[in-house]
Amino acid sequence: MRYYSTRDKVESKGFSDAVLQGLASDGGLYVPDHIPAVPTAVLSSSSTLADTAYLFMRPYVNAEIADDILKSIIDEVFNFPIPLIEIEENIYVLELFHGPTLAFKDVGARFMGRVLPILNQGGGELLVLVATSGDTGGAVANGLFNVPGVRVVVLYPCGKVSPLQEKQFASLKGNIQAVAVDGVFDDCQRLVKAAFDDEEVMGAHQLTTANSINIARWLPQAVYYFWMYAQLGEQAIISVPSGNLGNFTAGILAYESGLPVKRFISACNANDTFPGYLLSGDYNAKPSVETVANAMDVGDPSNFERFNYFLERDKFDIWNMISGTCYSDDQILDTISNCKARNGYLLDPHGACGYRALKEQLTKGEKGVFLATAHPAKFAEIYSRIGMKQPRHESLELIRDKPINPRRISSDFSDLKSLLLTSV
């Protein structure tokens, strides 16, 4: 297995180099040079979650991590449940929020946190840059907290993540530095990419990224799609809350690897760049807007480059099995209220987009699964807006009163560059 850039398709790296480099030298994202078909056992209900993950991930790691070490890493990463629950007739939810930071990104972040020190042995201190619109920051900070030889800088849009999301990474110290950016998520993402283009920064640090643009974050996310199928036992429509498209393209990777799927829905908030592209064929990045589903507040999704990689492989099939839709804040809040009244099930604002898309697009006799990407308690403040009791979770109560001390910078790259060259 080799990895090449989505842009020049010439530069080729092994798993280790692709992970440690993060982005290709031309600014593109790494993608595999081929997609192995999954073993039959991956689709079996008799396989454990960890076994499913090991069988899927092994060819992508390509023996650069010994099999026994890879197996122990995966056993440790996938040590929390990912249940599939029927909440009404023919509509199921895959709950991805039972990890330590209550978000689906725990899967990729925990895997990355455990492989980095193995891949970087003898390579000096590794600086990990990550941009977050909410959940990524907490998952990465938790996954890489106190990992030897690793320092983490988390960039987030100031005032545009929920208070508890901010606590999950900005209350940590040690090797974690939180940086509040005066801007939106797309500014944070742009700053991360700019750092990779700057010779002084690259000369001063061994730099990588922990966003889903890194294959170590992205690849493990395909695992739970196979786990979903093994529990359901039949093809379904899969509705994926979508922001930076890492989760969505991981689902497409699973499909290209042999996952039986009827079709995919990319369910978005008011940031409608990707649904607009699916309708018109024209990709028009735009400034992101702030919504109640803040983890999807992305106007220029990085993983769109990986989506194009799949289109080039199999355009007719992919194009005809996907759709996109977007919802306003009012529609999201209305969906939360209605689902709770109808089913007794409390949706988070991102899962609400996935659920509503299924309700609107399922036809008679079809089954649908939507991904619940984060626990509702992470967004407790929004529920009072619709007269609902604020949900809580024990792990979040433990950090509610922790102090935070982020650095604050403008959205100009010179500010981040100065920080990286003087204080990290």
Protein backbone atom coordinates (compact mmCIF):
# COMPACT_ATOMS: atom_id res chain seq x y z
CA MET A 1 0.00 0.00 0.00
CA ARG A 2 1.27 3.43 -1.01
CA TYR A 3 -0.31 6.85 -0.60
CA TYR A 4 -0.27 9.64 -3.12
CA SER A 5 -1.49 13.23 -3.23
CA THR A 6 -4.98 14.09 -4.45
CA ARG A 7 -3.33 16.79 -6.56
CA ASP A 8 -0.27 15.60 -8.44
CA LYS A 9 -0.87 11.84 -8.05
CA VAL A 10 2.90 11.36 -8.35
CA GLU A 11 4.37 11.76 -4.88
CA SER A 12 4.16 8.38 -3.16
CA LYS A 13 4.58 7.62 0.54
CA GLY A 14 4.28 4.67 2.86
CA PHE A 15 1.87 4.73 5.78
CA SER A 16 4.41 6.06 8.28
CA ASP A 17 5.64 8.93 6.13
CA ALA A 18 2.10 9.89 5.09
CA VAL A 19 0.97 10.05 8.73
CA LEU A 20 3.99 11.99 9.96
CA GLN A 21 3.87 14.42 7.06
CA GLY A 22 0.11 14.96 7.36
CA LEU A 23 -0.34 16.88 4.12
CA ALA A 24 1.39 16.12 0.83
CA SER A 25 4.12 18.56 -0.16
CA ASP A 26 1.86 20.06 -2.85
CA GLY A 27 -0.89 20.73 -0.28
CA GLY A 28 -2.99 17.78 -1.34
CA LEU A 29 -4.43 15.04 0.86
CA TYR A 30 -3.04 11.53 0.88
CA VAL A 31 -5.20 8.76 -0.56
CA PRO A 32 -4.42 5.04 -0.99
CA ASP A 33 -3.11 3.88 -4.35
CA HIS A 34 -5.65 1.04 -4.27
CA ILE A 35 -8.59 -0.03 -2.11
CA PRO A 36 -8.42 -3.63 -0.90
CA ALA A 37 -11.65 -5.61 -0.69
CA VAL A 38 -12.48 -6.36 2.94
CA PRO A 39 -12.45 -9.95 4.22
CA THR A 40 -15.88 -11.54 4.56
CA ALA A 41 -15.43 -11.62 8.34
CA VAL A 42 -15.62 -7.82 8.45
CA LEU A 43 -19.29 -8.03 7.46
CA SER A 44 -20.14 -10.78 9.94
CA SER A 45 -22.13 -10.26 13.11
CA SER A 46 -19.87 -12.81 14.84
CA SER A 47 -16.86 -10.49 14.56
CA THR A 48 -16.06 -8.14 17.44
CA LEU A 49 -15.66 -4.40 16.87
CA ALA A 50 -11.91 -4.62 17.50
CA ASP A 51 -11.53 -7.59 15.15
CA THR A 52 -13.46 -5.72 12.47
CA ALA A 53 -11.15 -2.73 12.91
CA TYR A 54 -8.01 -4.86 12.76
CA LEU A 55 -9.05 -6.69 9.59
CA PHE A 56 -9.92 -3.42 7.86
CA MET A 57 -6.89 -1.40 8.98
CA ARG A 58 -4.16 -4.03 8.53
CA PRO A 59 -3.64 -3.60 4.76
CA TYR A 60 -3.54 0.19 5.07
CA VAL A 61 -0.82 0.04 7.73
CA ASN A 62 1.04 -2.31 5.39
CA ALA A 63 3.13 -4.05 8.04
CA GLU A 64 4.82 -0.75 9.04
CA ILE A 65 3.51 -1.56 12.51
CA ALA A 66 3.95 -5.16 13.63
CA ASP A 67 0.70 -7.13 13.60
CA ASP A 68 0.71 -7.84 17.33
CA ILE A 69 1.34 -4.17 18.17
CA LEU A 70 -1.35 -3.03 15.72
CA LYS A 71 -3.80 -5.48 17.26
CA SER A 72 -3.08 -4.20 20.79
CA ILE A 73 -3.49 -0.58 19.62
CA ILE A 74 -6.83 -1.34 18.03
CA ASP A 75 -8.02 -3.30 21.09
CA GLU A 76 -7.26 -0.20 23.17
CA VAL A 77 -8.81 2.28 20.73
CA PHE A 78 -12.08 0.41 20.20
CA ASN A 79 -12.79 -0.27 23.86
CA PHE A 80 -16.13 1.56 24.01
CA PRO A 81 -19.49 0.49 22.59
CA ILE A 82 -20.90 1.71 19.27
CA PRO A 83 -24.52 0.52 19.49
CA LEU A 84 -27.09 0.46 16.71
CA ILE A 85 -30.54 1.33 18.06
CA GLU A 86 -33.92 1.33 16.33
CA ILE A 87 -35.72 4.50 17.39
CA GLU A 88 -38.75 4.10 15.14
CA GLU A 89 -39.84 1.68 12.44
CA ASN A 90 -37.04 1.25 9.87
CA ILE A 91 -34.97 4.13 11.29
CA TYR A 92 -31.86 3.31 13.29
CA VAL A 93 -29.21 5.43 14.97
CA LEU A 94 -25.56 4.43 15.20
CA GLU A 95 -24.38 6.03 18.43
CA LEU A 96 -20.78 7.13 17.99
CA PHE A 97 -20.59 9.21 21.18
CA HIS A 98 -19.64 6.67 23.85
CA GLY A 99 -15.91 7.39 23.76
CA PRO A 100 -14.01 9.53 26.27
CA THR A 101 -14.91 12.91 24.69
CA LEU A 102 -18.42 11.87 23.64
CA ALA A 103 -17.85 12.33 19.90
CA PHE A 104 -17.24 10.11 16.86
CA LYS A 105 -13.82 11.68 16.45
CA ASP A 106 -12.57 9.70 19.43
CA VAL A 107 -12.11 6.77 17.03
CA GLY A 108 -9.59 8.41 14.72
CA ALA A 109 -7.96 10.59 17.38
CA ARG A 110 -7.30 7.68 19.73
CA PHE A 111 -5.82 5.62 16.91
CA MET A 112 -3.58 8.50 15.86
CA GLY A 113 -2.48 9.15 19.42
CA ARG A 114 -1.26 5.59 19.76
CA VAL A 115 0.47 5.20 16.40
CA LEU A 116 2.34 8.55 16.39
CA PRO A 117 4.98 7.66 19.02
CA ILE A 118 5.56 4.30 17.33
CA LEU A 119 6.00 5.81 13.88
CA ASN A 120 8.09 8.72 15.18
CA GLN A 121 10.64 6.79 17.23
CA GLY A 122 13.93 8.67 17.12
CA GLY A 123 12.43 11.47 15.05
CA GLY A 124 12.51 14.25 17.63
CA GLU A 125 9.54 16.19 18.98
CA LEU A 126 6.51 16.16 16.71
CA LEU A 127 4.28 19.24 16.58
CA VAL A 128 0.65 18.45 15.79
CA LEU A 129 -1.51 21.28 14.45
CA VAL A 130 -5.26 20.79 14.48
CA ALA A 131 -8.19 23.04 13.60
CA THR A 132 -11.52 22.39 15.29
CA SER A 133 -15.08 23.56 14.85
CA GLY A 134 -15.97 21.82 18.10
CA ASP A 135 -15.50 18.09 18.60
CA THR A 136 -12.14 17.51 16.90
CA GLY A 137 -10.27 19.60 19.46
CA GLY A 138 -11.46 17.60 22.46
CA ALA A 139 -10.92 14.24 20.78
CA VAL A 140 -7.41 15.07 19.59
CA ALA A 141 -6.40 16.69 22.89
CA ASN A 142 -7.62 13.64 24.79
CA GLY A 143 -6.04 11.19 22.36
CA LEU A 144 -2.64 12.93 22.38
CA PHE A 145 -2.56 14.26 25.95
CA ASN A 146 0.84 13.48 27.53
CA VAL A 147 1.92 11.34 24.56
CA PRO A 148 5.75 11.37 24.73
CA GLY A 149 7.50 13.37 22.02
CA VAL A 150 4.29 15.08 20.85
CA ARG A 151 3.08 18.65 21.31
CA VAL A 152 -0.39 19.74 20.17
CA VAL A 153 -1.69 23.16 19.13
CA VAL A 154 -5.49 23.32 18.82
CA LEU A 155 -6.85 26.23 16.78
CA TYR A 156 -10.53 27.06 17.23
CA PRO A 157 -12.84 29.96 16.29
CA CYS A 158 -13.18 32.16 19.36
CA GLY A 159 -16.72 32.11 20.76
CA LYS A 160 -17.99 29.65 18.15
CA VAL A 161 -17.66 26.31 19.93
CA SER A 162 -19.87 25.30 22.83
CA PRO A 163 -18.53 26.06 26.33
CA LEU A 164 -18.16 22.38 27.20
CA GLN A 165 -16.45 21.59 23.89
CA GLU A 166 -13.96 24.35 24.71
CA LYS A 167 -13.39 22.97 28.20
CA GLN A 168 -12.45 19.57 26.78
CA PHE A 169 -9.28 20.89 25.19
CA ALA A 170 -8.63 24.38 26.62
CA SER A 171 -8.60 23.18 30.24
CA LEU A 172 -5.73 20.78 29.55
CA LYS A 173 -2.14 21.82 30.08
CA GLY A 174 1.02 19.81 29.60
CA ASN A 175 1.59 19.21 25.90
CA ILE A 176 -1.73 20.78 24.79
CA GLN A 177 -1.93 24.45 23.75
CA ALA A 178 -5.36 25.92 22.92
CA VAL A 179 -5.37 28.90 20.56
CA ALA A 180 -8.55 30.96 20.08
CA VAL A 181 -8.66 32.54 16.61
CA ASP A 182 -10.64 35.68 15.85
CA GLY A 183 -12.50 34.20 12.90
CA VAL A 184 -14.41 31.13 11.77
CA PHE A 185 -13.41 27.50 11.42
CA ASP A 186 -12.33 27.98 7.82
CA ASP A 187 -9.80 30.55 9.04
CA CYS A 188 -8.39 27.99 11.47
CA GLN A 189 -8.19 25.38 8.73
CA ARG A 190 -6.48 27.89 6.42
CA LEU A 191 -3.91 28.71 9.11
CA VAL A 192 -3.04 25.04 9.57
CA LYS A 193 -2.45 24.62 5.84
CA ALA A 194 -0.46 27.86 5.69
CA ALA A 195 1.93 26.53 8.34
CA PHE A 196 2.81 23.63 6.07
CA ASP A 197 3.65 26.08 3.28
CA ASP A 198 5.95 28.22 5.44
CA GLU A 199 9.65 27.36 5.21
CA GLU A 200 10.56 28.89 8.59
CA VAL A 201 7.86 26.98 10.46
CA MET A 202 8.68 23.74 8.67
CA GLY A 203 12.37 24.31 9.36
CA ALA A 204 11.75 24.86 13.07
CA HIS A 205 9.40 21.94 13.67
CA GLN A 206 8.62 18.43 12.57
CA LEU A 207 5.02 19.21 11.71
CA THR A 208 1.92 17.11 11.12
CA THR A 209 -1.83 17.57 11.50
CA ALA A 210 -4.50 15.68 13.41
CA ASN A 211 -7.48 16.80 11.34
CA SER A 212 -9.20 14.20 9.18
CA ILE A 213 -6.96 15.33 6.34
CA ASN A 214 -4.42 13.01 8.04
CA ILE A 215 -4.92 9.39 7.01
CA ALA A 216 -4.40 8.18 10.60
CA ARG A 217 -7.48 10.18 11.61
CA TRP A 218 -9.48 9.42 8.48
CA LEU A 219 -9.02 5.71 7.77
CA PRO A 220 -10.31 4.31 11.12
CA GLN A 221 -13.61 6.12 10.63
CA ALA A 222 -14.55 3.60 7.92
CA VAL A 223 -14.59 0.86 10.55
CA TYR A 224 -17.89 1.73 12.18
CA TYR A 225 -19.73 1.58 8.84
CA PHE A 226 -18.86 -2.12 8.64
CA TRP A 227 -19.82 -2.51 12.29
CA MET A 228 -23.19 -0.91 11.52
CA TYR A 229 -23.84 -3.37 8.68
CA ALA A 230 -22.81 -6.36 10.80
CA GLN A 231 -25.38 -5.37 13.44
CA LEU A 232 -28.18 -4.55 10.99
CA GLY A 233 -27.55 -7.48 8.67
CA GLU A 234 -28.80 -5.79 5.50
CA GLN A 235 -28.31 -2.85 3.20
CA ALA A 236 -29.54 0.52 4.35
CA ILE A 237 -29.57 4.17 3.44
CA ILE A 238 -26.89 5.86 5.53
CA SER A 239 -27.33 9.48 6.52
CA VAL A 240 -24.12 11.20 7.58
CA PRO A 241 -24.02 14.59 9.36
CA SER A 242 -21.41 16.38 7.25
CA GLY A 243 -19.05 19.29 7.78
CA ASN A 244 -15.47 18.77 6.63
CA LEU A 245 -16.56 15.55 4.82
CA GLY A 246 -14.10 13.29 6.63
CA ASN A 247 -16.88 11.08 7.99
CA PHE A 248 -18.76 11.08 4.70
CA THR A 249 -15.76 10.14 2.58
CA ALA A 250 -14.81 7.44 5.10
CA GLY A 251 -18.23 5.96 4.38
CA ILE A 252 -17.52 6.08 0.64
CA LEU A 253 -14.19 4.34 1.33
CA ALA A 254 -16.07 1.60 3.17
CA TYR A 255 -18.45 1.24 0.22
CA GLU A 256 -15.58 1.01 -2.26
CA SER A 257 -14.05 -1.67 0.01
CA GLY A 258 -17.15 -3.86 -0.18
CA LEU A 259 -19.69 -2.44 2.27
CA PRO A 260 -23.24 -3.12 1.00
CA VAL A 261 -25.07 0.23 0.94
CA LYS A 262 -28.23 1.38 -0.82
CA ARG A 263 -27.19 5.02 -0.88
CA PHE A 264 -25.64 7.81 1.18
CA ILE A 265 -27.07 11.14 2.27
CA SER A 266 -24.79 14.02 3.25
CA ALA A 267 -26.88 15.90 5.84
CA CYS A 268 -25.66 19.45 6.43
CA ASN A 269 -26.65 22.54 8.36
CA ALA A 270 -26.94 25.96 6.71
CA ASN A 271 -23.38 25.59 5.41
CA ASP A 272 -24.51 24.12 2.11
CA THR A 273 -21.37 24.07 -0.04
CA PHE A 274 -21.42 20.31 -0.61
CA PRO A 275 -25.20 19.88 -1.17
CA GLY A 276 -24.98 22.81 -3.57
CA TYR A 277 -22.23 21.05 -5.48
CA LEU A 278 -24.26 17.85 -5.72
CA LEU A 279 -27.15 19.79 -7.22
CA SER A 280 -25.24 21.99 -9.66
CA GLY A 281 -21.94 20.25 -10.29
CA ASP A 282 -20.15 23.49 -9.43
CA TYR A 283 -18.05 23.71 -6.29
CA ASN A 284 -18.39 27.14 -4.72
CA ALA A 285 -16.63 27.52 -1.38
CA LYS A 286 -18.13 30.23 0.78
CA PRO A 287 -17.58 31.75 4.22
CA SER A 288 -19.00 29.51 6.92
CA VAL A 289 -21.96 30.66 8.98
CA GLU A 290 -22.54 30.00 12.67
CA THR A 291 -25.26 27.45 13.51
CA VAL A 292 -26.52 25.34 16.41
CA ALA A 293 -24.76 22.37 14.78
CA ASN A 294 -21.38 24.05 15.14
CA ALA A 295 -19.18 21.05 14.36
CA MET A 296 -20.47 21.28 10.78
CA ASP A 297 -19.85 25.01 10.37
CA VAL A 298 -17.54 24.53 7.39
CA GLY A 299 -17.75 26.50 4.15
CA ASP A 300 -14.82 24.90 2.32
CA PRO A 301 -14.52 21.25 3.37
CA SER A 302 -10.98 19.90 3.03
CA ASN A 303 -12.07 16.34 2.33
CA PHE A 304 -13.81 17.44 -0.85
CA GLU A 305 -10.49 16.56 -2.49
CA ARG A 306 -10.90 12.97 -1.30
CA PHE A 307 -14.46 12.93 -2.61
CA ASN A 308 -13.08 13.81 -6.03
CA TYR A 309 -10.63 10.92 -5.69
CA PHE A 310 -13.59 8.54 -5.41
CA LEU A 311 -15.39 10.21 -8.30
CA GLU A 312 -12.37 9.66 -10.52
CA ARG A 313 -12.34 5.98 -9.56
CA ASP A 314 -16.02 5.28 -10.02
CA LYS A 315 -17.90 8.42 -11.05
CA PHE A 316 -21.12 6.93 -12.43
CA ASP A 317 -21.72 4.65 -9.46
CA ILE A 318 -20.77 7.17 -6.76
CA TRP A 319 -22.67 10.05 -8.33
CA ASN A 320 -25.87 8.04 -8.52
CA MET A 321 -25.84 6.74 -4.96
CA ILE A 322 -25.40 9.99 -3.02
CA SER A 323 -27.49 13.02 -2.26
CA GLY A 324 -27.14 16.07 -0.07
CA THR A 325 -29.50 18.19 1.95
CA CYS A 326 -29.20 21.10 4.38
CA TYR A 327 -31.26 22.48 7.25
CA SER A 328 -31.69 25.79 9.02
CA ASP A 329 -31.36 26.22 12.77
CA ASP A 330 -35.14 26.39 13.10
CA GLN A 331 -35.52 23.11 11.22
CA ILE A 332 -32.84 21.45 13.37
CA LEU A 333 -34.46 22.57 16.63
CA ASP A 334 -37.89 21.58 15.37
CA THR A 335 -36.55 18.12 14.50
CA ILE A 336 -35.09 17.69 18.00
CA SER A 337 -38.44 18.58 19.59
CA ASN A 338 -40.48 16.35 17.29
CA CYS A 339 -38.21 13.32 17.66
CA LYS A 340 -38.24 13.59 21.43
CA ALA A 341 -42.04 13.85 21.48
CA ARG A 342 -42.52 11.06 18.95
CA ASN A 343 -39.86 8.55 19.99
CA GLY A 344 -38.58 9.65 23.38
CA TYR A 345 -35.11 9.90 21.80
CA LEU A 346 -32.98 13.01 22.32
CA LEU A 347 -31.01 14.06 19.25
CA ASP A 348 -27.95 16.27 19.25
CA PRO A 349 -28.15 19.05 16.62
CA HIS A 350 -25.87 17.20 14.17
CA GLY A 351 -27.69 13.90 14.49
CA ALA A 352 -30.93 15.85 14.00
CA CYS A 353 -29.79 16.70 10.47
CA GLY A 354 -29.12 13.03 9.76
CA TYR A 355 -32.43 11.90 11.22
CA ARG A 356 -34.47 14.50 9.34
CA ALA A 357 -32.80 13.60 6.05
CA LEU A 358 -33.83 9.97 6.52
CA LYS A 359 -37.40 10.92 7.40
CA GLU A 360 -37.64 12.92 4.21
CA GLN A 361 -35.93 10.49 1.85
CA LEU A 362 -36.79 6.95 2.99
CA THR A 363 -39.25 5.16 0.75
CA LYS A 364 -41.54 2.29 1.68
CA GLY A 365 -39.70 -0.89 2.58
CA GLU A 366 -36.32 0.79 3.02
CA LYS A 367 -34.27 0.91 6.20
CA GLY A 368 -32.14 3.85 7.17
CA VAL A 369 -29.32 4.52 9.62
CA PHE A 370 -28.17 7.95 10.70
CA LEU A 371 -24.97 8.64 12.59
CA ALA A 372 -25.21 10.32 15.99
CA THR A 373 -21.84 12.02 16.05
CA ALA A 374 -21.83 13.62 19.52
CA HIS A 375 -23.65 13.42 22.85
CA PRO A 376 -26.44 16.01 23.29
CA ALA A 377 -24.92 17.19 26.58
CA LYS A 378 -22.07 18.83 24.65
CA PHE A 379 -24.60 21.34 23.30
CA ALA A 380 -26.72 21.71 26.42
CA GLU A 381 -27.40 25.43 25.96
CA ILE A 382 -29.46 25.03 22.79
CA TYR A 383 -32.15 22.88 24.41
CA SER A 384 -33.42 25.70 26.60
CA ARG A 385 -34.27 27.56 23.38
CA ILE A 386 -36.98 24.98 22.69
CA GLY A 387 -38.19 24.61 26.27
CA MET A 388 -36.35 21.37 26.96
CA LYS A 389 -34.30 20.40 29.98
CA GLN A 390 -30.58 20.70 29.37
CA PRO A 391 -29.02 17.22 29.02
CA ARG A 392 -26.02 16.39 31.16
CA HIS A 393 -23.27 13.78 31.20
CA GLU A 394 -21.09 12.81 34.13
CA SER A 395 -17.78 13.27 32.29
CA LEU A 396 -18.72 16.80 31.27
CA GLU A 397 -19.78 17.71 34.80
CA LEU A 398 -16.25 16.88 35.94
CA ILE A 399 -14.78 19.61 33.72
CA ARG A 400 -17.59 22.19 33.88
CA ASP A 401 -15.79 24.37 36.43
CA LYS A 402 -12.23 23.85 35.18
CA PRO A 403 -10.40 27.06 34.26
CA ILE A 404 -9.22 27.63 30.70
CA ASN A 405 -6.35 29.75 29.50
CA PRO A 406 -6.17 29.78 25.69
CA ARG A 407 -3.88 32.01 23.67
CA ARG A 408 -5.80 34.41 21.44
CA ILE A 409 -4.62 35.44 17.97
CA SER A 410 -6.01 37.12 14.88
CA SER A 411 -6.78 35.18 11.71
CA ASP A 412 -3.61 36.55 10.09
CA PHE A 413 -0.99 33.84 9.59
CA SER A 414 1.76 36.10 10.96
CA ASP A 415 0.24 35.74 14.45
CA LEU A 416 0.25 31.95 14.31
CA LYS A 417 3.73 31.93 12.81
CA SER A 418 5.04 34.07 15.65
CA LEU A 419 3.46 31.76 18.21
CA LEU A 420 4.91 28.64 16.57
CA LEU A 421 8.40 30.11 16.30
CA THR A 422 8.61 31.62 19.79
CA SER A 423 6.49 29.74 22.31
CA VAL A 424 5.92 26.20 21.09
